[in-house]
Every structure is written in C-alpha cells, then in structure tokens.
Amino acid sequence: LPIATGGTATLRIEADRTATTSAGYGNVGSDKWRLLVVNEISQVAHGTKATRLTSSMLPFNAQAGSSAPQNAQHVGSANGPTAQRPENASSGAGQSRQNQPRRVWSDSRCDMLSLEYEAVLAEMREVTQQFCDGLIDFYEHRELDARCMAKERAIRQAMREELDAEEPTTRELIEDWGYTGDEIARVESDLFNQNLLKAGNERRSTKYFLYRRRLARRH
C-alpha cells in the first residue's frame, strides 16, 4: 500500500497559518485558520492525501485482532528514535546500530490523534456558540478558547512528531492494529484480493465509459 511520508502536510499547515494571519483573517484562533488546519489534519489522518491502512479499509474490524489492547497498539513510539553514529565509531558499532528496530509511525495512533483533533474543534465551536448566545462573557470565552488552542497545538505537534518517523510496511501496519500470527496472513490475503477486485472494477468502468461515449457520438 502507498503510505504517506511524514512532515509535508504539517509544514503546509504552518505555511497556511502564516498566510492566513498576513491576509487579515486574524490570529490563530480565527475560524478561517481552524478550517485550514482541520482540512490538512483530516486529509492526512483519514488518508485523503495518501492511502493509509485504517480500520475502515480492513476486510473486517481491526479492533478484533487477538492482541489488540483496549486502545490500539502504538508500534511507532515504542521503539524510540535511532541514535546517530559518531564519526569515529567502529564497524562493530555500526553493525549493532543496524540491528536496532527502526522507528515507524503508527497508523492507529494517527487515527486516534485525528479523533482527538475533531473533538477539540467541536469544543471550539461549542465555546464560540456559547459566546454568541450570551451564555459566557468575553473573558470566559477568551480563557476557554485559549485552552482549546493549547490542546490543538499539542495534537498537531504530536501528529507532526509521529509522521516524522519512517513509513511502516503493510505487515507492520496490520500488526499495529493488533493482529498476530495467522490473522496477519489472512488480512494480507484479503487486502490483496480487495486490490485485485478494485483494479478489475476500474478497468471495467473505464471500458464501459468509453463504450457509452461512442454510443453518444452515434446519436
């Protein structure tokens, strides 16, 4: 499966933030900025910008994996970053470094962060609505909005750090959702069959479209 490489979308978010402020939309708490941010995060987290293995793409419920904990496993952060090799390190040290498990980003954690981000945005909208309805005054709104923005920045930073890791393989993605042993082989087989079916449907759809276009020209 093609996997998104980390960092690109988050850098675009910062660029959008600067452009939004300079264009006169106000500070980072403005509705325009929020819409830009949620669009970027949602596209990354839900696979609009890149196809990712999420629970909705699996042949069956990803949380049904036999080793899946209460919250889905986080494969990426458990390994930790790989230390850089000193210039004068021996070949033996380099060999040991190569044997260390690589750090990959976790699809399940990205999915969890996207849900948390949507919850923060919903909280922001609720706070704004309460202010518009006169239920809270200006100072209460400012304090609550500042708290929401702090949560938003923390989630965006967590997403940025997660996507800075290496991209996982298909097997690592499946393991990340809690599957083990024979379950992994079954999911891989089902995904392969789904890809074949999708490719066949696309070919038939294209062929049928050309056939209909030829018929339209005749009439």
C-alpha atoms as a PDB file:
ATOM      1  CA  LEU A   1       0.000   0.000   0.000  1.00  0.00           C
ATOM      2  CA  PRO A   2       1.273   3.512  -0.725  1.00  0.00           C
ATOM      3  CA  ILE A   3       1.947   5.247   2.553  1.00  0.00           C
ATOM      4  CA  ALA A   4       2.247   8.935   3.305  1.00  0.00           C
ATOM      5  CA  THR A   5       5.674  10.272   4.113  1.00  0.00           C
ATOM      6  CA  GLY A   6       5.763  12.376   7.256  1.00  0.00           C
ATOM      7  CA  GLY A   7       6.195  16.074   7.656  1.00  0.00           C
ATOM      8  CA  THR A   8       4.866  17.516   4.369  1.00  0.00           C
ATOM      9  CA  ALA A   9       1.332  18.281   5.463  1.00  0.00           C
ATOM     10  CA  THR A  10       2.399  19.704   8.806  1.00  0.00           C
ATOM     11  CA  LEU A  11       4.808  22.091   7.109  1.00  0.00           C
ATOM     12  CA  ARG A  12       1.962  23.200   4.854  1.00  0.00           C
ATOM     13  CA  ILE A  13      -0.137  23.849   7.941  1.00  0.00           C
ATOM     14  CA  GLU A  14       2.473  26.277   9.269  1.00  0.00           C
ATOM     15  CA  ALA A  15       2.630  27.982   5.870  1.00  0.00           C
ATOM     16  CA  ASP A  16      -1.153  28.290   5.796  1.00  0.00           C
ATOM     17  CA  ARG A  17      -1.057  29.741   9.283  1.00  0.00           C
ATOM     18  CA  THR A  18       1.384  32.470   8.260  1.00  0.00           C
ATOM     19  CA  ALA A  19      -0.545  33.204   5.078  1.00  0.00           C
ATOM     20  CA  THR A  20      -3.839  33.329   6.950  1.00  0.00           C
ATOM     21  CA  THR A  21      -2.549  35.797   9.532  1.00  0.00           C
ATOM     22  CA  SER A  22      -0.900  38.054   6.955  1.00  0.00           C
ATOM     23  CA  ALA A  23      -4.037  38.013   4.809  1.00  0.00           C
ATOM     24  CA  GLY A  24      -6.005  39.676   7.569  1.00  0.00           C
ATOM     25  CA  TYR A  25      -8.005  36.766   8.949  1.00  0.00           C
ATOM     26  CA  GLY A  26      -6.896  37.465  12.494  1.00  0.00           C
ATOM     27  CA  ASN A  27      -4.970  35.366  14.973  1.00  0.00           C
ATOM     28  CA  VAL A  28      -4.636  31.584  15.083  1.00  0.00           C
ATOM     29  CA  GLY A  29      -7.982  31.315  16.826  1.00  0.00           C
ATOM     30  CA  SER A  30      -9.933  32.580  13.818  1.00  0.00           C
ATOM     31  CA  ASP A  31     -12.471  30.354  12.080  1.00  0.00           C
ATOM     32  CA  LYS A  32     -10.562  30.665   8.808  1.00  0.00           C
ATOM     33  CA  TRP A  33      -7.377  29.287  10.367  1.00  0.00           C
ATOM     34  CA  ARG A  34      -9.267  26.484  12.087  1.00  0.00           C
ATOM     35  CA  LEU A  35     -10.818  25.400   8.802  1.00  0.00           C
ATOM     36  CA  LEU A  36      -7.394  25.342   7.145  1.00  0.00           C
ATOM     37  CA  VAL A  37      -5.890  23.275   9.945  1.00  0.00           C
ATOM     38  CA  VAL A  38      -8.681  20.717  10.223  1.00  0.00           C
ATOM     39  CA  ASN A  39      -8.660  20.282   6.458  1.00  0.00           C
ATOM     40  CA  GLU A  40      -4.938  19.477   6.442  1.00  0.00           C
ATOM     41  CA  ILE A  41      -5.026  17.229   9.512  1.00  0.00           C
ATOM     42  CA  SER A  42      -8.145  15.382   8.391  1.00  0.00           C
ATOM     43  CA  GLN A  43      -6.711  14.742   4.953  1.00  0.00           C
ATOM     44  CA  VAL A  44      -3.554  13.304   6.453  1.00  0.00           C
ATOM     45  CA  ALA A  45      -5.236  11.345   9.203  1.00  0.00           C
ATOM     46  CA  HIS A  46      -8.050   9.938   7.043  1.00  0.00           C
ATOM     47  CA  GLY A  47      -5.961   9.214   4.007  1.00  0.00           C
ATOM     48  CA  THR A  48      -7.324  11.804   1.522  1.00  0.00           C
ATOM     49  CA  LYS A  49      -3.802  12.918   0.625  1.00  0.00           C
ATOM     50  CA  ALA A  50      -2.353   9.380   0.838  1.00  0.00           C
ATOM     51  CA  THR A  51      -3.839   5.900   1.103  1.00  0.00           C
ATOM     52  CA  ARG A  52      -3.320   4.529   4.598  1.00  0.00           C
ATOM     53  CA  LEU A  53      -4.415   1.338   6.285  1.00  0.00           C
ATOM     54  CA  THR A  54      -7.167   2.381   8.670  1.00  0.00           C
ATOM     55  CA  SER A  55      -9.894   0.368  10.344  1.00  0.00           C
ATOM     56  CA  SER A  56     -12.357   1.252   7.577  1.00  0.00           C
ATOM     57  CA  MET A  57     -10.011  -0.248   4.948  1.00  0.00           C
ATOM     58  CA  LEU A  58      -9.532  -3.574   6.681  1.00  0.00           C
ATOM     59  CA  PRO A  59     -11.574  -6.572   5.491  1.00  0.00           C
ATOM     60  CA  PHE A  60     -13.025  -6.875   8.994  1.00  0.00           C
ATOM     61  CA  ASN A  61     -12.946  -4.934  12.242  1.00  0.00           C
ATOM     62  CA  ALA A  62      -9.333  -4.032  13.025  1.00  0.00           C
ATOM     63  CA  GLN A  63     -10.023  -3.949  16.750  1.00  0.00           C
ATOM     64  CA  ALA A  64     -10.838  -7.662  16.582  1.00  0.00           C
ATOM     65  CA  GLY A  65      -7.167  -8.587  16.431  1.00  0.00           C
ATOM     66  CA  SER A  66      -6.346 -11.111  19.134  1.00  0.00           C
ATOM     67  CA  SER A  67      -3.542  -8.994  20.592  1.00  0.00           C
ATOM     68  CA  ALA A  68      -5.273  -5.627  20.258  1.00  0.00           C
ATOM     69  CA  PRO A  69      -5.287  -3.815  23.634  1.00  0.00           C
ATOM     70  CA  GLN A  70      -8.054  -1.544  24.880  1.00  0.00           C
ATOM     71  CA  ASN A  71      -6.557   1.170  22.736  1.00  0.00           C
ATOM     72  CA  ALA A  72      -4.843   0.101  19.533  1.00  0.00           C
ATOM     73  CA  GLN A  73      -1.136  -0.644  19.764  1.00  0.00           C
ATOM     74  CA  HIS A  74       1.348   2.108  19.113  1.00  0.00           C
ATOM     75  CA  VAL A  75       4.125   0.389  17.221  1.00  0.00           C
ATOM     76  CA  GLY A  76       5.987   3.545  16.284  1.00  0.00           C
ATOM     77  CA  SER A  77       6.731   5.260  19.571  1.00  0.00           C
ATOM     78  CA  ALA A  78       7.726   2.127  21.467  1.00  0.00           C
ATOM     79  CA  ASN A  79      10.967   1.734  19.551  1.00  0.00           C
ATOM     80  CA  GLY A  80      12.188   5.275  20.122  1.00  0.00           C
ATOM     81  CA  PRO A  81      14.474   7.264  17.811  1.00  0.00           C
ATOM     82  CA  THR A  82      17.646   5.695  16.474  1.00  0.00           C
ATOM     83  CA  ALA A  83      20.840   7.316  17.769  1.00  0.00           C
ATOM     84  CA  GLN A  84      23.229   8.833  15.243  1.00  0.00           C
ATOM     85  CA  ARG A  85      26.528   7.081  14.700  1.00  0.00           C
ATOM     86  CA  PRO A  86      29.634   9.031  15.807  1.00  0.00           C
ATOM     87  CA  GLU A  87      32.190   9.787  13.112  1.00  0.00           C
ATOM     88  CA  ASN A  88      34.859   7.658  14.793  1.00  0.00           C
ATOM     89  CA  ALA A  89      32.593   4.715  15.584  1.00  0.00           C
ATOM     90  CA  SER A  90      33.875   1.271  14.673  1.00  0.00           C
ATOM     91  CA  SER A  91      32.257  -1.020  12.130  1.00  0.00           C
ATOM     92  CA  GLY A  92      31.049  -3.188  15.005  1.00  0.00           C
ATOM     93  CA  ALA A  93      29.099  -0.298  16.485  1.00  0.00           C
ATOM     94  CA  GLY A  94      27.580   0.381  13.084  1.00  0.00           C
ATOM     95  CA  GLN A  95      26.540  -3.264  12.800  1.00  0.00           C
ATOM     96  CA  SER A  96      24.862  -3.056  16.211  1.00  0.00           C
ATOM     97  CA  ARG A  97      23.042   0.108  15.189  1.00  0.00           C
ATOM     98  CA  GLN A  98      21.701  -1.574  12.068  1.00  0.00           C
ATOM     99  CA  ASN A  99      20.265  -4.365  14.193  1.00  0.00           C
ATOM    100  CA  GLN A 100      18.173  -1.923  16.223  1.00  0.00           C
ATOM    101  CA  PRO A 101      14.465  -1.894  15.346  1.00  0.00           C
ATOM    102  CA  ARG A 102      13.541   1.033  13.167  1.00  0.00           C
ATOM    103  CA  ARG A 103      11.022   3.603  14.360  1.00  0.00           C
ATOM    104  CA  VAL A 104       7.903   3.755  12.204  1.00  0.00           C
ATOM    105  CA  TRP A 105       4.812   5.891  12.559  1.00  0.00           C
ATOM    106  CA  SER A 106       1.716   4.248  13.970  1.00  0.00           C
ATOM    107  CA  ASP A 107      -1.444   4.239  11.892  1.00  0.00           C
ATOM    108  CA  SER A 108      -3.627   3.557  14.919  1.00  0.00           C
ATOM    109  CA  ARG A 109      -2.101   6.498  16.806  1.00  0.00           C
ATOM    110  CA  CYS A 110      -2.623   8.812  13.829  1.00  0.00           C
ATOM    111  CA  ASP A 111      -6.248   7.713  13.747  1.00  0.00           C
ATOM    112  CA  MET A 112      -6.594   8.375  17.484  1.00  0.00           C
ATOM    113  CA  LEU A 113      -4.999  11.829  17.129  1.00  0.00           C
ATOM    114  CA  SER A 114      -7.382  12.726  14.318  1.00  0.00           C
ATOM    115  CA  LEU A 115     -10.351  11.827  16.529  1.00  0.00           C
ATOM    116  CA  GLU A 116      -8.925  13.936  19.354  1.00  0.00           C
ATOM    117  CA  TYR A 117      -8.420  16.817  16.938  1.00  0.00           C
ATOM    118  CA  GLU A 118     -12.019  16.646  15.750  1.00  0.00           C
ATOM    119  CA  ALA A 119     -13.169  16.645  19.385  1.00  0.00           C
ATOM    120  CA  VAL A 120     -11.149  19.809  20.085  1.00  0.00           C
ATOM    121  CA  LEU A 121     -12.633  21.535  17.052  1.00  0.00           C
ATOM    122  CA  ALA A 122     -16.122  20.586  18.216  1.00  0.00           C
ATOM    123  CA  GLU A 123     -15.297  22.050  21.630  1.00  0.00           C
ATOM    124  CA  MET A 124     -14.116  25.271  19.964  1.00  0.00           C
ATOM    125  CA  ARG A 125     -17.358  25.566  18.035  1.00  0.00           C
ATOM    126  CA  GLU A 126     -19.364  24.994  21.198  1.00  0.00           C
ATOM    127  CA  VAL A 127     -17.429  27.694  23.082  1.00  0.00           C
ATOM    128  CA  THR A 128     -17.943  30.156  20.227  1.00  0.00           C
ATOM    129  CA  GLN A 129     -21.649  29.360  20.096  1.00  0.00           C
ATOM    130  CA  GLN A 130     -21.992  29.899  23.842  1.00  0.00           C
ATOM    131  CA  PHE A 131     -20.329  33.291  23.480  1.00  0.00           C
ATOM    132  CA  CYS A 132     -22.623  34.253  20.596  1.00  0.00           C
ATOM    133  CA  ASP A 133     -25.664  33.178  22.627  1.00  0.00           C
ATOM    134  CA  GLY A 134     -24.542  35.345  25.542  1.00  0.00           C
ATOM    135  CA  LEU A 135     -24.039  32.387  27.881  1.00  0.00           C
ATOM    136  CA  ILE A 136     -20.433  33.369  28.617  1.00  0.00           C
ATOM    137  CA  ASP A 137     -18.752  36.766  28.609  1.00  0.00           C
ATOM    138  CA  PHE A 138     -15.709  37.910  26.656  1.00  0.00           C
ATOM    139  CA  TYR A 139     -13.167  36.954  29.321  1.00  0.00           C
ATOM    140  CA  GLU A 140     -14.608  33.473  29.816  1.00  0.00           C
ATOM    141  CA  HIS A 141     -14.618  32.953  26.062  1.00  0.00           C
ATOM    142  CA  ARG A 142     -11.002  34.094  25.792  1.00  0.00           C
ATOM    143  CA  GLU A 143      -9.888  31.704  28.535  1.00  0.00           C
ATOM    144  CA  LEU A 144     -11.785  28.717  27.136  1.00  0.00           C
ATOM    145  CA  ASP A 145     -10.629  29.445  23.596  1.00  0.00           C
ATOM    146  CA  ALA A 146      -7.008  29.660  24.776  1.00  0.00           C
ATOM    147  CA  ARG A 147      -7.324  26.237  26.404  1.00  0.00           C
ATOM    148  CA  CYS A 148      -8.746  24.772  23.209  1.00  0.00           C
ATOM    149  CA  MET A 149      -5.963  26.293  21.139  1.00  0.00           C
ATOM    150  CA  ALA A 150      -3.358  24.825  23.509  1.00  0.00           C
ATOM    151  CA  LYS A 151      -4.913  21.385  23.035  1.00  0.00           C
ATOM    152  CA  GLU A 152      -4.988  21.903  19.279  1.00  0.00           C
ATOM    153  CA  ARG A 153      -1.297  22.835  19.140  1.00  0.00           C
ATOM    154  CA  ALA A 154      -0.369  19.820  21.273  1.00  0.00           C
ATOM    155  CA  ILE A 155      -2.249  17.457  18.970  1.00  0.00           C
ATOM    156  CA  ARG A 156      -0.713  18.989  15.847  1.00  0.00           C
ATOM    157  CA  GLN A 157       2.746  18.652  17.395  1.00  0.00           C
ATOM    158  CA  ALA A 158       2.070  15.006  18.275  1.00  0.00           C
ATOM    159  CA  MET A 159       0.904  14.334  14.724  1.00  0.00           C
ATOM    160  CA  ARG A 160       3.994  16.056  13.322  1.00  0.00           C
ATOM    161  CA  GLU A 161       6.333  14.016  15.533  1.00  0.00           C
ATOM    162  CA  GLU A 162       4.523  10.796  14.648  1.00  0.00           C
ATOM    163  CA  LEU A 163       4.749  11.361  10.901  1.00  0.00           C
ATOM    164  CA  ASP A 164       8.443  12.249  11.145  1.00  0.00           C
ATOM    165  CA  ALA A 165       9.172   8.548  11.663  1.00  0.00           C
ATOM    166  CA  GLU A 166       9.735   6.069   8.845  1.00  0.00           C
ATOM    167  CA  GLU A 167       6.796   4.704   6.922  1.00  0.00           C
ATOM    168  CA  PRO A 168       5.745   1.190   8.011  1.00  0.00           C
ATOM    169  CA  THR A 169       5.348  -1.822   5.791  1.00  0.00           C
ATOM    170  CA  THR A 170       1.947  -3.396   5.187  1.00  0.00           C
ATOM    171  CA  ARG A 171       2.716  -6.112   7.733  1.00  0.00           C
ATOM    172  CA  GLU A 172       3.762  -3.526  10.325  1.00  0.00           C
ATOM    173  CA  LEU A 173       0.518  -1.640   9.738  1.00  0.00           C
ATOM    174  CA  ILE A 174      -1.519  -4.793  10.268  1.00  0.00           C
ATOM    175  CA  GLU A 175       0.410  -5.635  13.443  1.00  0.00           C
ATOM    176  CA  ASP A 176      -0.172  -2.066  14.618  1.00  0.00           C
ATOM    177  CA  TRP A 177      -3.919  -2.759  14.647  1.00  0.00           C
ATOM    178  CA  GLY A 178      -3.447  -5.784  16.919  1.00  0.00           C
ATOM    179  CA  TYR A 179      -3.255  -8.740  14.546  1.00  0.00           C
ATOM    180  CA  THR A 180      -0.800 -11.601  15.087  1.00  0.00           C
ATOM    181  CA  GLY A 181       0.153 -14.914  13.525  1.00  0.00           C
ATOM    182  CA  ASP A 182      -2.350 -16.381  11.100  1.00  0.00           C
ATOM    183  CA  GLU A 183      -4.513 -13.275  11.346  1.00  0.00           C
ATOM    184  CA  ILE A 184      -1.810 -11.229   9.613  1.00  0.00           C
ATOM    185  CA  ALA A 185      -1.671 -13.638   6.678  1.00  0.00           C
ATOM    186  CA  ARG A 186      -5.463 -13.599   6.417  1.00  0.00           C
ATOM    187  CA  VAL A 187      -5.628  -9.794   6.387  1.00  0.00           C
ATOM    188  CA  GLU A 188      -2.824  -9.561   3.819  1.00  0.00           C
ATOM    189  CA  SER A 189      -4.654 -12.052   1.607  1.00  0.00           C
ATOM    190  CA  ASP A 190      -7.958 -10.197   1.941  1.00  0.00           C
ATOM    191  CA  LEU A 191      -6.297  -6.863   1.164  1.00  0.00           C
ATOM    192  CA  PHE A 192      -4.634  -8.368  -1.905  1.00  0.00           C
ATOM    193  CA  ASN A 193      -7.974  -9.733  -3.128  1.00  0.00           C
ATOM    194  CA  GLN A 194      -9.625  -6.380  -2.498  1.00  0.00           C
ATOM    195  CA  ASN A 195      -6.956  -4.609  -4.536  1.00  0.00           C
ATOM    196  CA  LEU A 196      -7.449  -7.067  -7.412  1.00  0.00           C
ATOM    197  CA  LEU A 197     -11.208  -6.550  -7.298  1.00  0.00           C
ATOM    198  CA  LYS A 198     -10.814  -2.776  -7.227  1.00  0.00           C
ATOM    199  CA  ALA A 199      -8.410  -2.815 -10.173  1.00  0.00           C
ATOM    200  CA  GLY A 200     -10.800  -5.019 -12.151  1.00  0.00           C
ATOM    201  CA  ASN A 201     -13.734  -2.743 -11.407  1.00  0.00           C
ATOM    202  CA  GLU A 202     -11.750   0.297 -12.522  1.00  0.00           C
ATOM    203  CA  ARG A 203     -10.813  -1.381 -15.807  1.00  0.00           C
ATOM    204  CA  ARG A 204     -14.405  -2.419 -16.486  1.00  0.00           C
ATOM    205  CA  SER A 205     -15.686   1.030 -15.547  1.00  0.00           C
ATOM    206  CA  THR A 206     -13.254   2.738 -17.918  1.00  0.00           C
ATOM    207  CA  LYS A 207     -14.120   0.348 -20.733  1.00  0.00           C
ATOM    208  CA  TYR A 208     -17.866   0.845 -20.190  1.00  0.00           C
ATOM    209  CA  PHE A 209     -17.441   4.620 -20.095  1.00  0.00           C
ATOM    210  CA  LEU A 210     -15.683   4.594 -23.481  1.00  0.00           C
ATOM    211  CA  TYR A 211     -18.437   2.352 -24.866  1.00  0.00           C
ATOM    212  CA  ARG A 212     -21.147   4.762 -23.709  1.00  0.00           C
ATOM    213  CA  ARG A 213     -19.245   7.722 -25.148  1.00  0.00           C
ATOM    214  CA  ARG A 214     -19.053   6.015 -28.538  1.00  0.00           C
ATOM    215  CA  LEU A 215     -22.794   5.365 -28.422  1.00  0.00           C
ATOM    216  CA  ALA A 216     -23.459   9.014 -27.596  1.00  0.00           C
ATOM    217  CA  ARG A 217     -21.445  10.130 -30.619  1.00  0.00           C
ATOM    218  CA  ARG A 218     -23.523   7.937 -32.915  1.00  0.00           C
ATOM    219  CA  HIS A 219     -26.696   9.651 -31.776  1.00  0.00           C
END
